[in-house]
Amino acid sequence: MQLHIKDRIYFPNIMPRTGTFLEFNLKKSITQKVAITEEDKERFNIKTDQERGIITWDNEKDMAEPLEVSFTADELDFLKKSCEKLTEQENTDDFWTVVEKIYNSL
């Protein structure tokens, strides 16, 4: 699955905050795969404006160099179930685009 910076920012919001120990470990594994590293911050010029509550980055470079992530069958199943629990909540179109990416990768 190809993920851009915005996708990676939304990922933690897809997964539930509570769950079983197995779910905790799946969430931890997924989070490690999609996390924005210090190297990413430098390469994509990621900046956080705490005062305005926004994050900016080099979008052109991000579009040209997405992160390629492979999830296990268990991780994808967990993500799918997490997404299904969110279907009745309101969210931005960008958020639903990430959910759609997950479903398209199944």
N, C-alpha and C. Protein backbone atom coordinates (compact mmCIF):
# COMPACT_ATOMS: atom_id res chain seq x y z
N MET A 1 0.85 -1.17 0.00
CA MET A 1 0.00 0.00 0.00
C MET A 1 0.90 1.24 0.00
N GLN A 2 0.59 2.18 -0.85
CA GLN A 2 1.34 3.43 -0.89
C GLN A 2 0.65 4.46 0.00
N LEU A 3 1.43 5.02 0.90
CA LEU A 3 0.89 6.00 1.84
C LEU A 3 1.66 7.31 1.75
N HIS A 4 0.91 8.38 1.76
CA HIS A 4 1.49 9.72 1.78
C HIS A 4 1.47 10.25 3.21
N ILE A 5 2.09 11.37 3.44
CA ILE A 5 2.21 11.93 4.78
C ILE A 5 0.83 12.08 5.43
N LYS A 6 -0.13 12.64 4.71
CA LYS A 6 -1.46 12.85 5.27
C LYS A 6 -2.08 11.52 5.68
N ASP A 7 -1.92 10.49 4.86
CA ASP A 7 -2.43 9.16 5.19
C ASP A 7 -1.83 8.67 6.50
N ARG A 8 -0.54 8.84 6.63
CA ARG A 8 0.18 8.36 7.80
C ARG A 8 -0.23 9.12 9.06
N ILE A 9 -0.60 10.37 8.91
CA ILE A 9 -1.07 11.16 10.04
C ILE A 9 -2.43 10.64 10.51
N TYR A 10 -3.28 10.25 9.58
CA TYR A 10 -4.62 9.78 9.92
C TYR A 10 -4.64 8.36 10.49
N PHE A 11 -3.66 7.55 10.18
CA PHE A 11 -3.68 6.13 10.58
C PHE A 11 -3.99 5.90 12.06
N PRO A 12 -3.33 6.58 12.99
CA PRO A 12 -3.65 6.31 14.41
C PRO A 12 -5.11 6.57 14.76
N ASN A 13 -5.77 7.48 14.04
CA ASN A 13 -7.18 7.79 14.31
C ASN A 13 -8.13 6.71 13.81
N ILE A 14 -7.65 5.83 12.97
CA ILE A 14 -8.48 4.74 12.45
C ILE A 14 -8.58 3.63 13.48
N MET A 15 -7.51 3.40 14.21
CA MET A 15 -7.47 2.28 15.14
C MET A 15 -8.07 2.66 16.49
N PRO A 16 -8.75 1.70 17.14
CA PRO A 16 -9.38 1.99 18.44
C PRO A 16 -8.34 2.26 19.52
N ARG A 17 -8.72 3.02 20.51
CA ARG A 17 -7.81 3.37 21.60
C ARG A 17 -7.71 2.25 22.63
N THR A 18 -8.69 1.38 22.68
CA THR A 18 -8.67 0.27 23.62
C THR A 18 -8.88 -1.03 22.87
N GLY A 19 -8.50 -2.13 23.51
CA GLY A 19 -8.69 -3.44 22.89
C GLY A 19 -7.96 -4.52 23.66
N THR A 20 -7.91 -5.68 23.06
CA THR A 20 -7.24 -6.82 23.68
C THR A 20 -5.73 -6.68 23.53
N PHE A 21 -5.00 -7.58 24.18
CA PHE A 21 -3.54 -7.57 24.06
C PHE A 21 -3.11 -7.85 22.63
N LEU A 22 -3.79 -8.76 21.96
CA LEU A 22 -3.48 -9.06 20.56
C LEU A 22 -3.69 -7.81 19.70
N GLU A 23 -4.80 -7.11 19.91
CA GLU A 23 -5.08 -5.89 19.15
C GLU A 23 -4.04 -4.82 19.45
N PHE A 24 -3.62 -4.74 20.71
CA PHE A 24 -2.57 -3.79 21.09
C PHE A 24 -1.30 -4.06 20.28
N ASN A 25 -0.92 -5.32 20.17
CA ASN A 25 0.28 -5.67 19.42
C ASN A 25 0.14 -5.42 17.93
N LEU A 26 -1.04 -5.67 17.38
CA LEU A 26 -1.28 -5.36 15.97
C LEU A 26 -1.19 -3.85 15.74
N LYS A 27 -1.81 -3.10 16.63
CA LYS A 27 -1.79 -1.64 16.52
C LYS A 27 -0.36 -1.11 16.61
N LYS A 28 0.41 -1.67 17.52
CA LYS A 28 1.81 -1.25 17.69
C LYS A 28 2.61 -1.55 16.41
N SER A 29 2.41 -2.71 15.84
CA SER A 29 3.11 -3.09 14.61
C SER A 29 2.73 -2.17 13.45
N ILE A 30 1.45 -1.90 13.31
CA ILE A 30 0.98 -1.01 12.23
C ILE A 30 1.53 0.39 12.43
N THR A 31 1.48 0.88 13.65
CA THR A 31 1.97 2.23 13.96
C THR A 31 3.45 2.36 13.63
N GLN A 32 4.23 1.34 13.94
CA GLN A 32 5.66 1.38 13.62
C GLN A 32 5.89 1.45 12.11
N LYS A 33 5.07 0.77 11.35
CA LYS A 33 5.23 0.75 9.90
C LYS A 33 4.89 2.09 9.25
N VAL A 34 3.93 2.81 9.80
CA VAL A 34 3.47 4.06 9.18
C VAL A 34 3.99 5.31 9.86
N ALA A 35 4.71 5.16 10.95
CA ALA A 35 5.19 6.31 11.72
C ALA A 35 6.05 7.25 10.88
N ILE A 36 5.95 8.51 11.19
CA ILE A 36 6.78 9.53 10.54
C ILE A 36 8.07 9.65 11.34
N THR A 37 9.16 9.31 10.70
CA THR A 37 10.46 9.28 11.36
C THR A 37 11.15 10.64 11.27
N GLU A 38 12.24 10.75 12.00
CA GLU A 38 13.06 11.97 11.92
C GLU A 38 13.59 12.15 10.50
N GLU A 39 13.95 11.05 9.87
CA GLU A 39 14.42 11.11 8.48
C GLU A 39 13.32 11.65 7.56
N ASP A 40 12.08 11.20 7.78
CA ASP A 40 10.94 11.71 7.00
C ASP A 40 10.77 13.21 7.22
N LYS A 41 10.91 13.64 8.46
CA LYS A 41 10.75 15.06 8.79
C LYS A 41 11.74 15.91 8.01
N GLU A 42 12.97 15.41 7.91
CA GLU A 42 13.98 16.15 7.15
C GLU A 42 13.73 16.07 5.65
N ARG A 43 13.50 14.86 5.15
CA ARG A 43 13.34 14.65 3.70
C ARG A 43 12.14 15.41 3.14
N PHE A 44 11.02 15.42 3.89
CA PHE A 44 9.80 16.05 3.40
C PHE A 44 9.57 17.44 3.99
N ASN A 45 10.55 17.93 4.75
CA ASN A 45 10.47 19.26 5.36
C ASN A 45 9.17 19.42 6.18
N ILE A 46 8.92 18.45 7.04
CA ILE A 46 7.71 18.45 7.85
C ILE A 46 7.89 19.41 9.02
N LYS A 47 6.94 20.32 9.14
CA LYS A 47 6.98 21.34 10.20
C LYS A 47 5.63 21.35 10.92
N THR A 48 5.69 21.50 12.24
CA THR A 48 4.48 21.59 13.05
C THR A 48 4.37 23.01 13.60
N ASP A 49 3.24 23.64 13.32
CA ASP A 49 2.97 24.97 13.85
C ASP A 49 2.00 24.78 15.02
N GLN A 50 2.56 24.71 16.24
CA GLN A 50 1.76 24.46 17.43
C GLN A 50 0.71 25.56 17.65
N GLU A 51 1.10 26.78 17.36
CA GLU A 51 0.22 27.92 17.60
C GLU A 51 -1.06 27.84 16.76
N ARG A 52 -0.90 27.48 15.49
CA ARG A 52 -2.05 27.38 14.57
C ARG A 52 -2.61 25.97 14.49
N GLY A 53 -1.89 24.99 15.05
CA GLY A 53 -2.36 23.61 15.05
C GLY A 53 -2.35 22.96 13.68
N ILE A 54 -1.31 23.27 12.88
CA ILE A 54 -1.23 22.68 11.55
C ILE A 54 0.14 22.04 11.32
N ILE A 55 0.16 21.11 10.39
CA ILE A 55 1.39 20.45 9.98
C ILE A 55 1.56 20.70 8.49
N THR A 56 2.77 21.10 8.08
CA THR A 56 3.04 21.34 6.67
C THR A 56 4.21 20.46 6.24
N TRP A 57 4.29 20.22 4.91
CA TRP A 57 5.38 19.42 4.36
C TRP A 57 5.48 19.70 2.87
N ASP A 58 6.53 19.19 2.26
CA ASP A 58 6.76 19.33 0.82
C ASP A 58 5.85 18.33 0.11
N ASN A 59 4.70 18.81 -0.32
CA ASN A 59 3.69 17.93 -0.93
C ASN A 59 4.16 17.32 -2.24
N GLU A 60 4.88 18.08 -3.03
CA GLU A 60 5.37 17.55 -4.32
C GLU A 60 6.30 16.36 -4.10
N LYS A 61 7.21 16.49 -3.17
CA LYS A 61 8.13 15.40 -2.87
C LYS A 61 7.37 14.20 -2.29
N ASP A 62 6.40 14.48 -1.44
CA ASP A 62 5.57 13.43 -0.85
C ASP A 62 4.81 12.66 -1.93
N MET A 63 4.25 13.36 -2.90
CA MET A 63 3.51 12.70 -3.98
C MET A 63 4.44 11.86 -4.86
N ALA A 64 5.68 12.30 -4.99
CA ALA A 64 6.64 11.58 -5.83
C ALA A 64 7.27 10.39 -5.11
N GLU A 65 7.28 10.44 -3.78
CA GLU A 65 7.96 9.40 -2.99
C GLU A 65 7.07 8.86 -1.87
N PRO A 66 5.95 8.20 -2.18
CA PRO A 66 5.11 7.66 -1.11
C PRO A 66 5.81 6.51 -0.39
N LEU A 67 5.39 6.28 0.84
CA LEU A 67 5.91 5.15 1.61
C LEU A 67 5.18 3.89 1.15
N GLU A 68 5.92 2.87 0.79
CA GLU A 68 5.34 1.58 0.40
C GLU A 68 5.32 0.69 1.65
N VAL A 69 4.12 0.31 2.08
CA VAL A 69 3.95 -0.48 3.29
C VAL A 69 3.24 -1.78 2.98
N SER A 70 3.74 -2.85 3.55
CA SER A 70 3.08 -4.15 3.43
C SER A 70 2.55 -4.53 4.80
N PHE A 71 1.28 -4.87 4.87
CA PHE A 71 0.67 -5.31 6.11
C PHE A 71 0.40 -6.80 6.04
N THR A 72 0.48 -7.46 7.20
CA THR A 72 0.16 -8.88 7.27
C THR A 72 -1.36 -9.04 7.14
N ALA A 73 -1.79 -10.26 6.92
CA ALA A 73 -3.23 -10.54 6.82
C ALA A 73 -3.93 -10.17 8.13
N ASP A 74 -3.30 -10.45 9.28
CA ASP A 74 -3.89 -10.10 10.58
C ASP A 74 -3.99 -8.59 10.75
N GLU A 75 -2.96 -7.87 10.31
CA GLU A 75 -2.99 -6.40 10.41
C GLU A 75 -4.10 -5.82 9.53
N LEU A 76 -4.22 -6.34 8.32
CA LEU A 76 -5.28 -5.85 7.41
C LEU A 76 -6.66 -6.16 7.96
N ASP A 77 -6.83 -7.33 8.54
CA ASP A 77 -8.12 -7.70 9.14
C ASP A 77 -8.45 -6.76 10.29
N PHE A 78 -7.46 -6.46 11.12
CA PHE A 78 -7.64 -5.53 12.24
C PHE A 78 -8.01 -4.14 11.73
N LEU A 79 -7.31 -3.68 10.69
CA LEU A 79 -7.61 -2.36 10.11
C LEU A 79 -9.01 -2.32 9.53
N LYS A 80 -9.41 -3.39 8.85
CA LYS A 80 -10.75 -3.46 8.26
C LYS A 80 -11.81 -3.36 9.35
N LYS A 81 -11.65 -4.14 10.42
CA LYS A 81 -12.60 -4.09 11.52
C LYS A 81 -12.62 -2.72 12.18
N SER A 82 -11.46 -2.10 12.30
CA SER A 82 -11.37 -0.75 12.87
C SER A 82 -12.13 0.24 12.01
N CYS A 83 -11.98 0.12 10.70
CA CYS A 83 -12.67 1.02 9.77
C CYS A 83 -14.18 0.83 9.85
N GLU A 84 -14.61 -0.42 9.96
CA GLU A 84 -16.05 -0.70 10.01
C GLU A 84 -16.70 -0.07 11.24
N LYS A 85 -15.96 0.03 12.33
CA LYS A 85 -16.49 0.65 13.54
C LYS A 85 -16.67 2.16 13.40
N LEU A 86 -16.02 2.74 12.40
CA LEU A 86 -16.06 4.20 12.22
C LEU A 86 -17.11 4.67 11.22
N THR A 87 -17.78 3.74 10.55
CA THR A 87 -18.63 4.12 9.42
C THR A 87 -19.78 5.06 9.77
N GLU A 88 -20.21 5.06 11.00
CA GLU A 88 -21.33 5.94 11.38
C GLU A 88 -20.86 7.30 11.90
N GLN A 89 -19.54 7.47 12.04
CA GLN A 89 -19.01 8.74 12.52
C GLN A 89 -18.76 9.69 11.36
N GLU A 90 -18.86 10.97 11.64
CA GLU A 90 -18.54 11.97 10.63
C GLU A 90 -17.05 12.23 10.62
N ASN A 91 -16.48 12.35 9.42
CA ASN A 91 -15.06 12.65 9.26
C ASN A 91 -14.85 13.40 7.96
N THR A 92 -13.64 13.88 7.78
CA THR A 92 -13.31 14.62 6.56
C THR A 92 -13.16 13.66 5.38
N ASP A 93 -13.25 14.20 4.20
CA ASP A 93 -13.05 13.39 2.98
C ASP A 93 -11.65 12.79 2.95
N ASP A 94 -10.66 13.54 3.41
CA ASP A 94 -9.28 13.03 3.44
C ASP A 94 -9.19 11.78 4.33
N PHE A 95 -9.88 11.80 5.45
CA PHE A 95 -9.89 10.65 6.35
C PHE A 95 -10.51 9.44 5.66
N TRP A 96 -11.66 9.65 5.00
CA TRP A 96 -12.34 8.54 4.32
C TRP A 96 -11.52 8.02 3.15
N THR A 97 -10.68 8.85 2.56
CA THR A 97 -9.79 8.40 1.50
C THR A 97 -8.80 7.37 2.03
N VAL A 98 -8.31 7.56 3.24
CA VAL A 98 -7.40 6.59 3.85
C VAL A 98 -8.14 5.28 4.12
N VAL A 99 -9.37 5.38 4.62
CA VAL A 99 -10.19 4.19 4.86
C VAL A 99 -10.40 3.44 3.54
N GLU A 100 -10.67 4.18 2.49
CA GLU A 100 -10.85 3.58 1.16
C GLU A 100 -9.58 2.85 0.69
N LYS A 101 -8.42 3.44 0.95
CA LYS A 101 -7.15 2.78 0.59
C LYS A 101 -7.01 1.43 1.29
N ILE A 102 -7.40 1.41 2.56
CA ILE A 102 -7.31 0.17 3.32
C ILE A 102 -8.22 -0.88 2.69
N TYR A 103 -9.45 -0.52 2.39
CA TYR A 103 -10.40 -1.46 1.79
C TYR A 103 -9.96 -1.92 0.41
N ASN A 104 -9.36 -1.02 -0.36
CA ASN A 104 -8.90 -1.40 -1.70
C ASN A 104 -7.70 -2.34 -1.67
N SER A 105 -7.01 -2.38 -0.54
CA SER A 105 -5.84 -3.25 -0.45
C SER A 105 -6.20 -4.66 0.01
N LEU A 106 -7.45 -4.88 0.37
CA LEU A 106 -7.88 -6.20 0.86
C LEU A 106 -8.07 -7.18 -0.28
